[in-house]
Amino acid sequence: KTFALWVIIAGILGFVFPDVFKPIGSWIAILLGVMMFGMGLTLTTADFREIFRRPKDVFVGILAQFLIMPLAAFALCKAFALPPDLAVGLMLLGCVPGGTASNLVTFLARGDVALSVTITSCTTLLAPLVTPALMYFFANNPTAMFLSIVQVILLPIAAGVVVHKLFGKKADQASVVLPFVSVATAVVIIAAVVAATRGQFLSAGLTVFAVVALQNAFGMGLGFLAGRLFGMDVAKCKALCFEVGMQNSALGV
C-alpha cells in the first residue's frame, strides 16, 4: 500500500544522488527479469481460467490495452510536437503491456481482480510480438527489441513456471516474499533510471510529466469507458481502467 511513496522517494534519491544509482543502470534488464521470474513463480492455470469463463471481457481488455495507449501516445507526440527521443520514449511506454501494479490497485479499488490478473498475464505474454509490431508501425523502430523482450519477459516467466511445477509447495512458501521483492526491485530500477536521465529531466521535465500524466489519464478514462461500452459492471470497468492506464514502464526502460 506504500508502493507510491517508495516510488517518489526512489525518484528523489536518484535525482539528488545520480552517481550512486547510475551504475545500477546496466542491471535493469536483469532486475526486470527477476520481477518476471517472480510473476512466473506465482502463475497458475487459475490465472488464465477467466479466458474461458468470460472470453469477451478478456478480449476487450487486451484490445483496449494495445489500442488506447499507443493511440494516446501517438496523439500526444503530435499535439506537443515532441522531439524524437521523447516521442520514441512515450510511444514505447504506450506499446508495452500493463504493469503488474495494476492488479494491486484494482484490488485496493475493489475492482475485478481476477479479470485484471488475467489481462496482465495475457498482455505480458503477447508483448514480445505485439510491442515490437506496434513500435514498427508507429515509430518505424527496429524490431531487434523482440529478442530483448523475450529475454526479460518470456524466459524468466517460463523459468518461474517450471520452478513452480518442480517444487510445488516450497515455491508457494517462497512466493510469500515476492511482493516485497517486486516492490524493492521496481524502486531500485526507478532510482537508476532517474539518475541516468537527470539531465533530460532538468531540460524537459515539465513536458515529460505533462504528456505522461495525460497519457495515463486517457488510458484510465478510456479504459473505463471501454468497459461501459461493452456493458460491463463497475468492478470490471475499474479493472479495465487501471489495466489500460498503468503500463509496465520498467519494461519500457
Protein backbone atom coordinates (compact mmCIF):
# COMPACT_ATOMS: atom_id res chain seq x y z
CA LYS A 1 0.00 0.00 0.00
CA THR A 2 3.02 2.31 0.37
CA PHE A 3 4.36 1.50 -3.11
CA ALA A 4 3.65 5.01 -4.47
CA LEU A 5 5.55 6.57 -1.54
CA TRP A 6 8.63 4.41 -2.20
CA VAL A 7 8.48 5.30 -5.90
CA ILE A 8 8.58 9.01 -5.05
CA ILE A 9 11.42 8.53 -2.55
CA ALA A 10 13.42 6.48 -5.08
CA GLY A 11 12.93 9.14 -7.74
CA ILE A 12 14.14 11.89 -5.40
CA LEU A 13 17.17 9.86 -4.30
CA GLY A 14 18.08 9.06 -7.91
CA PHE A 15 17.79 12.73 -8.81
CA VAL A 16 19.79 14.05 -5.83
CA PHE A 17 22.46 11.30 -5.83
CA PRO A 18 22.81 10.31 -9.51
CA ASP A 19 26.37 8.99 -9.17
CA VAL A 20 25.24 6.48 -6.55
CA PHE A 21 22.48 4.96 -8.69
CA LYS A 22 23.81 5.33 -12.25
CA PRO A 23 25.90 2.09 -12.10
CA ILE A 24 22.70 0.12 -11.46
CA GLY A 25 21.51 1.08 -14.96
CA SER A 26 23.38 -1.80 -16.59
CA TRP A 27 21.46 -4.24 -14.36
CA ILE A 28 17.96 -3.06 -15.25
CA ALA A 29 17.24 -5.93 -17.67
CA ILE A 30 18.35 -8.47 -15.06
CA LEU A 31 16.28 -6.78 -12.33
CA LEU A 32 13.21 -6.82 -14.55
CA GLY A 33 13.92 -10.49 -15.28
CA VAL A 34 13.82 -11.11 -11.52
CA MET A 35 10.38 -9.47 -11.36
CA MET A 36 9.13 -11.54 -14.29
CA PHE A 37 10.56 -14.73 -12.72
CA GLY A 38 8.52 -13.90 -9.63
CA MET A 39 5.43 -13.48 -11.78
CA GLY A 40 6.05 -16.87 -13.40
CA LEU A 41 6.53 -18.42 -9.96
CA THR A 42 3.01 -17.37 -8.98
CA LEU A 43 1.24 -18.10 -12.28
CA THR A 44 -1.28 -20.92 -12.17
CA THR A 45 -3.92 -22.21 -14.55
CA ALA A 46 -6.44 -20.20 -12.48
CA ASP A 47 -4.87 -17.00 -13.82
CA PHE A 48 -6.00 -17.98 -17.31
CA ARG A 49 -9.32 -19.59 -16.35
CA GLU A 50 -11.14 -16.32 -16.94
CA ILE A 51 -10.26 -16.55 -20.66
CA PHE A 52 -12.69 -19.47 -20.96
CA ARG A 53 -15.21 -18.21 -18.40
CA ARG A 54 -15.67 -14.79 -20.00
CA PRO A 55 -13.62 -14.51 -23.20
CA LYS A 56 -15.33 -11.29 -24.29
CA ASP A 57 -14.22 -9.35 -21.19
CA VAL A 58 -10.62 -10.56 -21.51
CA PHE A 59 -10.51 -9.86 -25.25
CA VAL A 60 -11.90 -6.34 -24.76
CA GLY A 61 -9.27 -5.70 -22.08
CA ILE A 62 -6.39 -6.90 -24.28
CA LEU A 63 -7.65 -4.93 -27.27
CA ALA A 64 -8.15 -1.79 -25.18
CA GLN A 65 -4.63 -2.12 -23.74
CA PHE A 66 -2.91 -2.36 -27.11
CA LEU A 67 -5.12 0.21 -28.89
CA ILE A 68 -5.85 3.02 -26.43
CA MET A 69 -2.37 3.58 -25.02
CA PRO A 70 -0.42 3.55 -28.32
CA LEU A 71 -3.00 5.84 -29.96
CA ALA A 72 -2.95 8.18 -26.95
CA ALA A 73 0.86 8.30 -27.09
CA PHE A 74 0.83 8.98 -30.83
CA ALA A 75 -1.73 11.79 -30.45
CA LEU A 76 0.28 13.39 -27.61
CA CYS A 77 3.52 13.18 -29.61
CA LYS A 78 1.83 15.11 -32.43
CA ALA A 79 -0.01 17.57 -30.16
CA PHE A 80 3.12 18.51 -28.19
CA ALA A 81 5.47 18.21 -31.21
CA LEU A 82 7.84 16.16 -29.06
CA PRO A 83 11.50 15.81 -30.13
CA PRO A 84 12.39 12.34 -31.48
CA ASP A 85 13.94 10.93 -28.28
CA LEU A 86 10.95 11.89 -26.10
CA ALA A 87 8.49 10.79 -28.80
CA VAL A 88 10.02 7.32 -29.05
CA GLY A 89 10.08 7.03 -25.25
CA LEU A 90 6.39 7.95 -24.98
CA MET A 91 5.46 5.60 -27.83
CA LEU A 92 7.34 2.76 -26.17
CA LEU A 93 5.52 3.47 -22.91
CA GLY A 94 2.27 3.24 -24.84
CA CYS A 95 3.17 -0.02 -26.56
CA VAL A 96 4.34 -2.08 -23.58
CA PRO A 97 1.84 -4.30 -21.71
CA GLY A 98 0.04 -3.42 -18.50
CA GLY A 99 2.07 -3.36 -15.30
CA THR A 100 1.55 -5.89 -12.51
CA ALA A 101 0.95 -2.98 -10.10
CA SER A 102 -2.43 -2.56 -11.80
CA ASN A 103 -3.58 -5.78 -10.11
CA LEU A 104 -2.80 -4.32 -6.68
CA VAL A 105 -4.52 -1.01 -7.45
CA THR A 106 -7.57 -2.88 -8.81
CA PHE A 107 -7.73 -4.80 -5.53
CA LEU A 108 -7.49 -1.60 -3.47
CA ALA A 109 -10.23 -0.01 -5.62
CA ARG A 110 -12.47 -3.09 -5.16
CA GLY A 111 -12.39 -3.89 -8.85
CA ASP A 112 -12.44 -7.28 -10.58
CA VAL A 113 -9.00 -8.59 -9.60
CA ALA A 114 -9.35 -11.91 -11.47
CA LEU A 115 -10.03 -10.06 -14.72
CA SER A 116 -7.12 -7.69 -14.07
CA VAL A 117 -4.66 -10.53 -13.38
CA THR A 118 -5.79 -12.42 -16.50
CA ILE A 119 -5.41 -9.39 -18.78
CA THR A 120 -1.98 -8.59 -17.31
CA SER A 121 -0.82 -12.18 -17.84
CA CYS A 122 -2.12 -12.27 -21.41
CA THR A 123 -0.74 -8.88 -22.49
CA THR A 124 2.63 -9.67 -20.88
CA LEU A 125 2.90 -12.96 -22.77
CA LEU A 126 1.83 -11.25 -26.01
CA ALA A 127 4.34 -8.40 -25.55
CA PRO A 128 7.31 -9.99 -27.39
CA LEU A 129 5.22 -9.98 -30.56
CA VAL A 130 2.83 -7.06 -30.11
CA THR A 131 5.18 -4.40 -28.67
CA PRO A 132 7.80 -4.59 -31.48
CA ALA A 133 5.00 -4.73 -34.08
CA LEU A 134 3.34 -1.59 -32.66
CA MET A 135 6.67 0.23 -32.41
CA TYR A 136 7.45 -0.63 -36.02
CA PHE A 137 4.02 0.65 -37.10
CA PHE A 138 4.05 3.90 -35.13
CA ALA A 139 7.74 4.76 -34.83
CA ASN A 140 9.43 2.70 -37.56
CA ASN A 141 11.68 1.41 -34.78
CA PRO A 142 13.94 -1.62 -35.39
CA THR A 143 12.32 -4.89 -34.31
CA ALA A 144 15.54 -6.07 -32.63
CA MET A 145 13.74 -5.35 -29.35
CA PHE A 146 11.90 -8.65 -29.92
CA LEU A 147 14.86 -10.68 -28.64
CA SER A 148 15.36 -8.30 -25.71
CA ILE A 149 11.71 -8.67 -24.63
CA VAL A 150 11.90 -12.45 -24.98
CA GLN A 151 14.93 -12.44 -22.69
CA VAL A 152 13.46 -10.20 -19.99
CA ILE A 153 9.86 -11.47 -20.10
CA LEU A 154 9.23 -14.87 -21.65
CA LEU A 155 12.32 -16.72 -20.47
CA PRO A 156 12.13 -15.56 -16.81
CA ILE A 157 8.36 -16.24 -16.69
CA ALA A 158 8.88 -19.68 -18.21
CA ALA A 159 11.64 -20.39 -15.68
CA GLY A 160 9.33 -19.33 -12.85
CA VAL A 161 6.55 -21.62 -14.12
CA VAL A 162 8.99 -24.56 -14.37
CA VAL A 163 10.33 -23.97 -10.85
CA HIS A 164 6.76 -23.78 -9.52
CA LYS A 165 5.92 -27.09 -11.20
CA LEU A 166 9.06 -28.80 -9.88
CA PHE A 167 8.98 -27.55 -6.30
CA GLY A 168 5.25 -27.00 -5.69
CA LYS A 169 4.68 -26.17 -2.00
CA LYS A 170 8.24 -24.92 -1.46
CA ALA A 171 7.74 -22.48 -4.35
CA ASP A 172 4.44 -21.35 -2.80
CA GLN A 173 6.22 -20.69 0.50
CA ALA A 174 8.90 -18.66 -1.27
CA SER A 175 6.24 -16.66 -3.13
CA VAL A 176 5.17 -15.04 0.16
CA VAL A 177 8.15 -12.65 -0.07
CA LEU A 178 7.66 -11.93 -3.78
CA PRO A 179 5.55 -8.76 -3.33
CA PHE A 180 8.38 -7.26 -1.26
CA VAL A 181 10.99 -8.37 -3.81
CA SER A 182 8.95 -6.91 -6.69
CA VAL A 183 8.44 -3.57 -4.95
CA ALA A 184 12.11 -3.34 -3.92
CA THR A 185 13.26 -4.23 -7.45
CA ALA A 186 10.92 -1.70 -9.08
CA VAL A 187 12.09 1.02 -6.69
CA VAL A 188 15.76 0.33 -7.46
CA ILE A 189 15.02 0.43 -11.22
CA ILE A 190 13.24 3.79 -10.84
CA ALA A 191 16.15 5.31 -8.89
CA ALA A 192 18.61 4.09 -11.54
CA VAL A 193 16.53 5.46 -14.41
CA VAL A 194 16.07 8.89 -12.82
CA ALA A 195 19.81 9.05 -12.08
CA ALA A 196 20.70 8.18 -15.66
CA THR A 197 18.29 10.73 -17.19
CA ARG A 198 18.72 13.56 -14.67
CA GLY A 199 19.89 15.95 -17.37
CA GLN A 200 16.83 15.26 -19.52
CA PHE A 201 14.54 15.80 -16.52
CA LEU A 202 16.11 19.21 -15.96
CA SER A 203 15.77 20.25 -19.61
CA ALA A 204 12.35 18.76 -20.43
CA GLY A 205 10.94 17.71 -17.08
CA LEU A 206 7.66 19.65 -17.18
CA THR A 207 6.86 18.48 -20.70
CA VAL A 208 7.63 14.87 -19.80
CA PHE A 209 5.46 14.98 -16.70
CA ALA A 210 2.60 16.61 -18.62
CA VAL A 211 2.49 14.14 -21.51
CA VAL A 212 2.90 11.06 -19.29
CA ALA A 213 0.20 12.28 -16.88
CA LEU A 214 -2.14 12.91 -19.82
CA GLN A 215 -1.36 9.51 -21.33
CA ASN A 216 -2.20 7.78 -18.05
CA ALA A 217 -5.38 9.86 -17.70
CA PHE A 218 -6.50 8.98 -21.23
CA GLY A 219 -5.74 5.31 -20.61
CA MET A 220 -7.68 5.15 -17.36
CA GLY A 221 -10.63 7.19 -18.62
CA LEU A 222 -10.96 5.43 -21.97
CA GLY A 223 -10.30 2.04 -20.36
CA PHE A 224 -13.25 2.60 -18.01
CA LEU A 225 -15.41 3.82 -20.91
CA ALA A 226 -14.49 0.75 -22.98
CA GLY A 227 -15.86 -1.42 -20.20
CA ARG A 228 -19.06 0.62 -20.07
CA LEU A 229 -19.39 0.46 -23.86
CA PHE A 230 -19.39 -3.34 -23.72
CA GLY A 231 -21.88 -3.49 -20.88
CA MET A 232 -19.50 -4.41 -18.04
CA ASP A 233 -20.34 -3.75 -14.40
CA VAL A 234 -18.45 -1.19 -12.29
CA ALA A 235 -15.97 -3.75 -10.85
CA LYS A 236 -14.94 -4.85 -14.35
CA CYS A 237 -14.73 -1.25 -15.55
CA LYS A 238 -12.38 -0.45 -12.66
CA ALA A 239 -10.18 -3.38 -13.70
CA LEU A 240 -10.00 -2.06 -17.27
CA CYS A 241 -9.41 1.48 -16.01
CA PHE A 242 -6.21 0.55 -14.17
CA GLU A 243 -5.18 -2.25 -16.52
CA VAL A 244 -5.15 0.05 -19.53
CA GLY A 245 -3.87 3.18 -17.76
CA MET A 246 -0.96 1.62 -15.83
CA GLN A 247 1.92 0.47 -18.01
CA ASN A 248 4.92 -1.78 -17.43
CA SER A 249 7.28 1.20 -17.51
CA ALA A 250 10.23 -0.87 -16.27
CA LEU A 251 9.98 -2.95 -19.45
CA GLY A 252 9.82 0.30 -21.44
CA VAL A 253 13.12 1.34 -19.85
